[in-house]
PDB file of N, CA and C in Angstrom:
ATOM      1  N   MET A   1     -80.846-120.331  36.280  1.00  0.00           N
ATOM      2  CA  MET A   1     -81.642-119.744  35.883  1.00  0.00           C
ATOM      3  C   MET A   1     -80.577-118.249  35.962  1.00  0.00           C
ATOM      4  N   ILE A   2     -80.584-117.323  34.593  1.00  0.00           N
ATOM      5  CA  ILE A   2     -80.788-116.217  35.515  1.00  0.00           C
ATOM      6  C   ILE A   2     -81.629-114.725  34.697  1.00  0.00           C
ATOM      7  N   GLU A   3     -80.944-113.835  36.642  1.00  0.00           N
ATOM      8  CA  GLU A   3     -81.680-112.775  36.790  1.00  0.00           C
ATOM      9  C   GLU A   3     -81.489-111.545  36.789  1.00  0.00           C
ATOM     10  N   VAL A   4     -81.577-110.594  35.949  1.00  0.00           N
ATOM     11  CA  VAL A   4     -81.445-109.892  35.887  1.00  0.00           C
ATOM     12  C   VAL A   4     -81.848-108.675  36.945  1.00  0.00           C
ATOM     13  N   ILE A   5     -80.768-108.159  37.260  1.00  0.00           N
ATOM     14  CA  ILE A   5     -81.527-107.150  38.331  1.00  0.00           C
ATOM     15  C   ILE A   5     -80.697-106.175  39.142  1.00  0.00           C
ATOM     16  N   THR A   6     -81.002-104.866  38.869  1.00  0.00           N
ATOM     17  CA  THR A   6     -80.977-103.150  39.003  1.00  0.00           C
ATOM     18  C   THR A   6     -80.130-102.635  40.010  1.00  0.00           C
ATOM     19  N   THR A   7     -79.312-102.605  40.260  1.00  0.00           N
ATOM     20  CA  THR A   7     -78.445-101.951  41.703  1.00  0.00           C
ATOM     21  C   THR A   7     -77.699-100.569  41.523  1.00  0.00           C
ATOM     22  N   LYS A   8     -77.321 -99.863  42.062  1.00  0.00           N
ATOM     23  CA  LYS A   8     -77.388 -99.403  42.754  1.00  0.00           C
ATOM     24  C   LYS A   8     -76.138 -98.467  41.982  1.00  0.00           C
ATOM     25  N   VAL A   9     -75.121 -97.905  40.788  1.00  0.00           N
ATOM     26  CA  VAL A   9     -73.859 -98.326  41.200  1.00  0.00           C
ATOM     27  C   VAL A   9     -73.037 -96.608  40.896  1.00  0.00           C
ATOM     28  N   TYR A  10     -72.001 -95.890  41.507  1.00  0.00           N
ATOM     29  CA  TYR A  10     -72.087 -94.573  42.051  1.00  0.00           C
ATOM     30  C   TYR A  10     -70.899 -93.997  40.614  1.00  0.00           C
ATOM     31  N   ARG A  11     -70.651 -93.431  40.023  1.00  0.00           N
ATOM     32  CA  ARG A  11     -69.706 -93.020  39.106  1.00  0.00           C
ATOM     33  C   ARG A  11     -69.429 -91.798  39.386  1.00  0.00           C
ATOM     34  N   SER A  12     -68.048 -91.925  38.870  1.00  0.00           N
ATOM     35  CA  SER A  12     -65.990 -90.759  39.076  1.00  0.00           C
ATOM     36  C   SER A  12     -66.627 -89.948  38.014  1.00  0.00           C
ATOM     37  N   THR A  13     -67.065 -88.869  37.820  1.00  0.00           N
ATOM     38  CA  THR A  13     -67.339 -87.385  36.449  1.00  0.00           C
ATOM     39  C   THR A  13     -65.330 -88.244  36.210  1.00  0.00           C
ATOM     40  N   ALA A  14     -64.646 -87.408  37.248  1.00  0.00           N
ATOM     41  CA  ALA A  14     -63.519 -86.862  36.653  1.00  0.00           C
ATOM     42  C   ALA A  14     -63.124 -88.541  36.479  1.00  0.00           C
ATOM     43  N   LYS A  15     -63.117 -89.622  36.622  1.00  0.00           N
ATOM     44  CA  LYS A  15     -61.928 -90.757  36.193  1.00  0.00           C
ATOM     45  C   LYS A  15     -63.412 -91.381  34.860  1.00  0.00           C
ATOM     46  N   GLY A  16     -64.570 -91.159  35.202  1.00  0.00           N
ATOM     47  CA  GLY A  16     -65.056 -91.612  34.076  1.00  0.00           C
ATOM     48  C   GLY A  16     -65.642 -92.823  34.240  1.00  0.00           C
ATOM     49  N   ARG A  17     -65.447 -93.534  35.021  1.00  0.00           N
ATOM     50  CA  ARG A  17     -65.932 -94.764  36.004  1.00  0.00           C
ATOM     51  C   ARG A  17     -67.093 -95.439  36.851  1.00  0.00           C
ATOM     52  N   ARG A  18     -67.441 -96.851  36.447  1.00  0.00           N
ATOM     53  CA  ARG A  18     -67.821 -96.388  37.711  1.00  0.00           C
ATOM     54  C   ARG A  18     -67.513 -97.692  39.228  1.00  0.00           C
ATOM     55  N   TYR A  19     -68.033 -97.582  40.412  1.00  0.00           N
ATOM     56  CA  TYR A  19     -67.696 -97.578  41.632  1.00  0.00           C
ATOM     57  C   TYR A  19     -69.227 -98.712  42.115  1.00  0.00           C
ATOM     58  N   LEU A  20     -69.356 -99.863  42.822  1.00  0.00           N
ATOM     59  CA  LEU A  20     -70.207-100.168  43.406  1.00  0.00           C
ATOM     60  C   LEU A  20     -70.331 -99.323  45.068  1.00  0.00           C
ATOM     61  N   THR A  21     -69.056 -98.699  45.117  1.00  0.00           N
ATOM     62  CA  THR A  21     -69.760 -98.569  46.873  1.00  0.00           C
ATOM     63  C   THR A  21     -68.943 -96.441  46.398  1.00  0.00           C
ATOM     64  N   LYS A  22     -70.015 -95.690  47.136  1.00  0.00           N
ATOM     65  CA  LYS A  22     -69.487 -94.369  47.374  1.00  0.00           C
ATOM     66  C   LYS A  22     -68.330 -94.418  47.526  1.00  0.00           C
ATOM     67  N   THR A  23     -67.557 -94.794  48.432  1.00  0.00           N
ATOM     68  CA  THR A  23     -66.565 -94.811  48.987  1.00  0.00           C
ATOM     69  C   THR A  23     -65.700 -94.824  47.947  1.00  0.00           C
ATOM     70  N   GLY A  24     -65.392 -95.874  46.769  1.00  0.00           N
ATOM     71  CA  GLY A  24     -64.720 -96.027  45.699  1.00  0.00           C
ATOM     72  C   GLY A  24     -64.679 -94.572  45.094  1.00  0.00           C
ATOM     73  N   ALA A  25     -66.034 -95.004  44.677  1.00  0.00           N
ATOM     74  CA  ALA A  25     -65.445 -93.661  44.199  1.00  0.00           C
ATOM     75  C   ALA A  25     -66.202 -92.446  44.675  1.00  0.00           C
ATOM     76  N   ILE A  26     -65.696 -91.996  45.511  1.00  0.00           N
ATOM     77  CA  ILE A  26     -65.031 -90.729  46.222  1.00  0.00           C
ATOM     78  C   ILE A  26     -63.379 -90.946  45.628  1.00  0.00           C
ATOM     79  N   LYS A  27     -62.925 -90.854  46.594  1.00  0.00           N
ATOM     80  CA  LYS A  27     -61.332 -92.166  46.324  1.00  0.00           C
ATOM     81  C   LYS A  27     -61.320 -91.939  44.696  1.00  0.00           C
ATOM     82  N   ALA A  28     -62.042 -92.702  43.513  1.00  0.00           N
ATOM     83  CA  ALA A  28     -61.533 -92.467  42.683  1.00  0.00           C
ATOM     84  C   ALA A  28     -61.309 -90.991  42.544  1.00  0.00           C
ATOM     85  N   GLU A  29     -62.349 -90.070  42.495  1.00  0.00           N
ATOM     86  CA  GLU A  29     -62.927 -88.583  42.671  1.00  0.00           C
ATOM     87  C   GLU A  29     -61.668 -88.095  42.376  1.00  0.00           C
ATOM     88  N   ALA A  30     -60.938 -87.414  44.025  1.00  0.00           N
ATOM     89  CA  ALA A  30     -60.285 -86.958  44.829  1.00  0.00           C
ATOM     90  C   ALA A  30     -59.199 -87.461  43.995  1.00  0.00           C
ATOM     91  N   ARG A  31     -58.406 -88.145  43.726  1.00  0.00           N
ATOM     92  CA  ARG A  31     -57.268 -89.541  43.492  1.00  0.00           C
ATOM     93  C   ARG A  31     -57.095 -87.858  42.187  1.00  0.00           C
ATOM     94  N   SER A  32     -58.196 -88.716  41.212  1.00  0.00           N
ATOM     95  CA  SER A  32     -57.967 -87.617  39.603  1.00  0.00           C
ATOM     96  C   SER A  32     -57.534 -87.160  39.920  1.00  0.00           C
ATOM     97  N   LEU A  33     -58.701 -85.906  40.773  1.00  0.00           N
ATOM     98  CA  LEU A  33     -57.845 -84.132  40.810  1.00  0.00           C
ATOM     99  C   LEU A  33     -56.711 -84.395  41.179  1.00  0.00           C
ATOM    100  N   ILE A  34     -56.275 -84.761  42.402  1.00  0.00           N
ATOM    101  CA  ILE A  34     -54.603 -84.714  42.283  1.00  0.00           C
ATOM    102  C   ILE A  34     -53.826 -84.953  41.426  1.00  0.00           C
ATOM    103  N   GLU A  35     -54.573 -86.036  40.081  1.00  0.00           N
ATOM    104  CA  GLU A  35     -53.595 -86.143  39.357  1.00  0.00           C
ATOM    105  C   GLU A  35     -53.484 -85.321  38.647  1.00  0.00           C
ATOM    106  N   ALA A  36     -54.831 -84.223  38.274  1.00  0.00           N
ATOM    107  CA  ALA A  36     -54.486 -83.382  37.210  1.00  0.00           C
ATOM    108  C   ALA A  36     -53.831 -82.217  37.471  1.00  0.00           C
ATOM    109  N   LYS A  37     -54.444 -82.566  39.264  1.00  0.00           N
ATOM    110  CA  LYS A  37     -53.097 -80.894  39.585  1.00  0.00           C
ATOM    111  C   LYS A  37     -51.735 -80.937  39.375  1.00  0.00           C
ATOM    112  N   HIS A  38     -51.242 -82.511  40.194  1.00  0.00           N
ATOM    113  CA  HIS A  38     -49.734 -83.080  39.981  1.00  0.00           C
ATOM    114  C   HIS A  38     -49.632 -83.909  39.174  1.00  0.00           C
ATOM    115  N   PRO A  39     -49.211 -83.426  37.804  1.00  0.00           N
ATOM    116  CA  PRO A  39     -49.134 -85.821  36.714  1.00  0.00           C
ATOM    117  C   PRO A  39     -48.413 -85.668  37.268  1.00  0.00           C
ATOM    118  N   THR A  40     -47.975 -87.326  36.673  1.00  0.00           N
ATOM    119  CA  THR A  40     -47.141 -87.840  36.630  1.00  0.00           C
ATOM    120  C   THR A  40     -45.912 -87.700  35.598  1.00  0.00           C
ATOM    121  N   GLU A  41     -44.372 -88.266  36.362  1.00  0.00           N
ATOM    122  CA  GLU A  41     -43.770 -88.392  35.147  1.00  0.00           C
ATOM    123  C   GLU A  41     -43.174 -89.184  34.710  1.00  0.00           C
ATOM    124  N   ARG A  42     -42.605 -89.501  34.066  1.00  0.00           N
ATOM    125  CA  ARG A  42     -41.768 -91.123  33.663  1.00  0.00           C
ATOM    126  C   ARG A  42     -39.978 -90.816  33.737  1.00  0.00           C
ATOM    127  N   ALA A  43     -40.264 -91.645  34.392  1.00  0.00           N
ATOM    128  CA  ALA A  43     -37.787 -92.094  34.241  1.00  0.00           C
ATOM    129  C   ALA A  43     -37.897 -92.086  32.923  1.00  0.00           C
ATOM    130  N   TYR A  44     -36.574 -91.076  32.793  1.00  0.00           N
ATOM    131  CA  TYR A  44     -35.780 -91.443  31.547  1.00  0.00           C
ATOM    132  C   TYR A  44     -34.834 -92.707  31.547  1.00  0.00           C
ATOM    133  N   PHE A  45     -34.263 -93.472  30.792  1.00  0.00           N
ATOM    134  CA  PHE A  45     -32.613 -94.503  31.049  1.00  0.00           C
ATOM    135  C   PHE A  45     -32.283 -93.731  29.218  1.00  0.00           C
ATOM    136  N   ASP A  46     -30.585 -93.863  29.716  1.00  0.00           N
ATOM    137  CA  ASP A  46     -30.337 -94.107  28.835  1.00  0.00           C
ATOM    138  C   ASP A  46     -30.397 -95.414  27.626  1.00  0.00           C
ATOM    139  N   GLY A  47     -29.054 -95.051  27.352  1.00  0.00           N
ATOM    140  CA  GLY A  47     -29.331 -96.863  25.594  1.00  0.00           C
ATOM    141  C   GLY A  47     -28.716 -97.789  26.908  1.00  0.00           C
ATOM    142  N   ASN A  48     -27.305 -97.373  28.225  1.00  0.00           N
ATOM    143  CA  ASN A  48     -27.257 -98.950  28.338  1.00  0.00           C
ATOM    144  C   ASN A  48     -28.305 -99.198  29.790  1.00  0.00           C
ATOM    145  N   GLY A  49     -29.454 -98.425  30.302  1.00  0.00           N
ATOM    146  CA  GLY A  49     -30.482 -98.449  30.762  1.00  0.00           C
ATOM    147  C   GLY A  49     -30.311 -97.721  31.773  1.00  0.00           C
ATOM    148  N   TYR A  50     -28.889 -97.162  32.427  1.00  0.00           N
ATOM    149  CA  TYR A  50     -29.505 -96.083  33.986  1.00  0.00           C
ATOM    150  C   TYR A  50     -30.694 -95.600  33.427  1.00  0.00           C
ATOM    151  N   MET A  51     -30.707 -94.788  34.567  1.00  0.00           N
ATOM    152  CA  MET A  51     -31.804 -93.851  34.101  1.00  0.00           C
ATOM    153  C   MET A  51     -30.221 -92.619  34.482  1.00  0.00           C
ATOM    154  N   THR A  52     -31.758 -91.996  33.498  1.00  0.00           N
ATOM    155  CA  THR A  52     -31.055 -89.857  33.380  1.00  0.00           C
ATOM    156  C   THR A  52     -31.397 -89.388  34.297  1.00  0.00           C
ATOM    157  N   GLU A  53     -32.923 -89.681  34.430  1.00  0.00           N
ATOM    158  CA  GLU A  53     -33.531 -88.232  35.268  1.00  0.00           C
ATOM    159  C   GLU A  53     -34.748 -90.091  36.455  1.00  0.00           C
ATOM    160  N   PRO A  54     -34.903 -89.540  37.027  1.00  0.00           N
ATOM    161  CA  PRO A  54     -35.714 -89.482  38.292  1.00  0.00           C
ATOM    162  C   PRO A  54     -37.176 -89.401  37.459  1.00  0.00           C
ATOM    163  N   GLY A  55     -38.586 -91.061  37.786  1.00  0.00           N
ATOM    164  CA  GLY A  55     -39.394 -90.210  37.330  1.00  0.00           C
ATOM    165  C   GLY A  55     -40.513 -89.067  38.476  1.00  0.00           C
ATOM    166  N   TRP A  56     -41.659 -89.305  38.837  1.00  0.00           N
ATOM    167  CA  TRP A  56     -42.463 -88.734  39.513  1.00  0.00           C
ATOM    168  C   TRP A  56     -43.843 -88.707  40.561  1.00  0.00           C
ATOM    169  N   HIS A  57     -44.241 -88.939  41.091  1.00  0.00           N
ATOM    170  CA  HIS A  57     -45.283 -89.294  41.581  1.00  0.00           C
ATOM    171  C   HIS A  57     -45.894 -88.559  42.314  1.00  0.00           C
ATOM    172  N   TRP A  58     -47.452 -88.898  42.682  1.00  0.00           N
ATOM    173  CA  TRP A  58     -47.944 -87.265  43.128  1.00  0.00           C
ATOM    174  C   TRP A  58     -47.360 -87.338  44.742  1.00  0.00           C
ATOM    175  N   MET A  59     -47.607 -89.099  44.758  1.00  0.00           N
ATOM    176  CA  MET A  59     -47.310 -89.505  46.155  1.00  0.00           C
ATOM    177  C   MET A  59     -46.351 -89.546  46.671  1.00  0.00           C
ATOM    178  N   GLU A  60     -45.695 -88.947  46.039  1.00  0.00           N
ATOM    179  CA  GLU A  60     -43.866 -88.461  46.239  1.00  0.00           C
ATOM    180  C   GLU A  60     -43.972 -87.604  47.683  1.00  0.00           C
ATOM    181  N   ILE A  61     -44.760 -86.644  47.160  1.00  0.00           N
ATOM    182  CA  ILE A  61     -44.813 -85.292  47.726  1.00  0.00           C
ATOM    183  C   ILE A  61     -45.423 -85.774  49.498  1.00  0.00           C
ATOM    184  N   PRO A  62     -44.343 -84.696  50.053  1.00  0.00           N
ATOM    185  CA  PRO A  62     -44.753 -84.694  52.130  1.00  0.00           C
ATOM    186  C   PRO A  62     -46.490 -85.087  52.462  1.00  0.00           C
ATOM    187  N   ARG A  63     -46.186 -85.952  53.010  1.00  0.00           N
ATOM    188  CA  ARG A  63     -47.768 -86.623  53.461  1.00  0.00           C
ATOM    189  C   ARG A  63     -48.700 -85.947  52.555  1.00  0.00           C
ATOM    190  N   SER A  64     -48.491 -86.745  51.683  1.00  0.00           N
ATOM    191  CA  SER A  64     -49.846 -87.021  50.312  1.00  0.00           C
ATOM    192  C   SER A  64     -50.465 -87.476  50.751  1.00  0.00           C
ATOM    193  N   HIS A  65     -50.870 -88.504  51.769  1.00  0.00           N
ATOM    194  CA  HIS A  65     -51.878 -89.331  52.573  1.00  0.00           C
ATOM    195  C   HIS A  65     -52.816 -88.411  53.133  1.00  0.00           C
ATOM    196  N   VAL A  66     -52.593 -86.961  53.820  1.00  0.00           N
ATOM    197  CA  VAL A  66     -52.998 -86.775  54.469  1.00  0.00           C
ATOM    198  C   VAL A  66     -53.826 -85.490  53.286  1.00  0.00           C
ATOM    199  N   LEU A  67     -53.227 -85.123  51.974  1.00  0.00           N
ATOM    200  CA  LEU A  67     -53.528 -85.065  50.521  1.00  0.00           C
ATOM    201  C   LEU A  67     -54.662 -85.406  50.095  1.00  0.00           C
ATOM    202  N   LEU A  68     -54.957 -86.875  50.342  1.00  0.00           N
ATOM    203  CA  LEU A  68     -55.625 -87.628  49.681  1.00  0.00           C
ATOM    204  C   LEU A  68     -57.217 -87.833  51.109  1.00  0.00           C
ATOM    205  N   ARG A  69     -56.598 -87.474  52.064  1.00  0.00           N
ATOM    206  CA  ARG A  69     -57.668 -88.134  53.186  1.00  0.00           C
ATOM    207  C   ARG A  69     -58.588 -86.242  53.015  1.00  0.00           C
ATOM    208  N   ARG A  70     -57.719 -85.466  52.256  1.00  0.00           N
ATOM    209  CA  ARG A  70     -58.684 -84.407  52.748  1.00  0.00           C
ATOM    210  C   ARG A  70     -59.973 -84.066  51.461  1.00  0.00           C
ATOM    211  N   VAL A  71     -58.932 -84.545  49.926  1.00  0.00           N
ATOM    212  CA  VAL A  71     -59.508 -83.832  48.821  1.00  0.00           C
ATOM    213  C   VAL A  71     -60.571 -85.504  49.205  1.00  0.00           C
ATOM    214  N   CYS A  72     -60.757 -86.044  49.615  1.00  0.00           N
ATOM    215  CA  CYS A  72     -61.879 -87.477  49.882  1.00  0.00           C
ATOM    216  C   CYS A  72     -62.948 -86.012  50.260  1.00  0.00           C
ATOM    217  N   ARG A  73     -62.508 -86.083  51.738  1.00  0.00           N
ATOM    218  CA  ARG A  73     -62.793 -84.445  52.677  1.00  0.00           C
ATOM    219  C   ARG A  73     -63.879 -84.130  52.239  1.00  0.00           C
ATOM    220  N   LEU A  74     -63.516 -82.942  50.820  1.00  0.00           N
ATOM    221  CA  LEU A  74     -64.078 -82.242  50.212  1.00  0.00           C
ATOM    222  C   LEU A  74     -64.911 -82.703  48.912  1.00  0.00           C
ATOM    223  N   VAL A  75     -65.287 -83.915  48.323  1.00  0.00           N
ATOM    224  CA  VAL A  75     -64.899 -83.947  47.036  1.00  0.00           C
ATOM    225  C   VAL A  75     -66.610 -85.322  48.042  1.00  0.00           C
ATOM    226  N   LYS A  76     -66.622 -85.637  48.718  1.00  0.00           N
ATOM    227  CA  LYS A  76     -67.700 -86.361  49.600  1.00  0.00           C
ATOM    228  C   LYS A  76     -68.322 -84.878  50.608  1.00  0.00           C
ATOM    229  N   ARG A  77     -68.483 -83.921  50.744  1.00  0.00           N
ATOM    230  CA  ARG A  77     -69.078 -82.855  51.886  1.00  0.00           C
ATOM    231  C   ARG A  77     -69.623 -82.096  50.645  1.00  0.00           C
ATOM    232  N   ALA A  78     -69.307 -82.439  48.975  1.00  0.00           N
ATOM    233  CA  ALA A  78     -69.332 -82.096  47.667  1.00  0.00           C
ATOM    234  C   ALA A  78     -70.575 -82.074  47.468  1.00  0.00           C
ATOM    235  N   ILE A  79     -70.935 -83.601  47.241  1.00  0.00           N
ATOM    236  CA  ILE A  79     -71.370 -83.838  46.994  1.00  0.00           C
ATOM    237  C   ILE A  79     -72.446 -84.584  47.630  1.00  0.00           C
ATOM    238  N   GLU A  80     -72.661 -83.878  48.897  1.00  0.00           N
ATOM    239  CA  GLU A  80     -73.783 -84.678  49.633  1.00  0.00           C
ATOM    240  C   GLU A  80     -74.655 -83.765  50.344  1.00  0.00           C
ATOM    241  N   PRO A  81     -76.033 -83.790  50.300  1.00  0.00           N
ATOM    242  CA  PRO A  81     -76.549 -82.458  50.601  1.00  0.00           C
ATOM    243  C   PRO A  81     -76.831 -81.855  51.567  1.00  0.00           C
TER     244      PRO A  81
END
């Protein structure tokens, strides 16, 4: 038998997706806020396959894990009353 069940989901407005857990939505929101401030740059290669310019991602920031935790905490405090 197929049942219709209504459940609570959490939507990340910056990411534009729905998550089943509050923690997942908070982490996605925090990552998208960081990515908006520090955009990812792709690596460029020449015709022979050698990298001419290396790419860059916000996870290469020193202590990026601390930045992510702090932004997660700020997002969590912003949504709780």
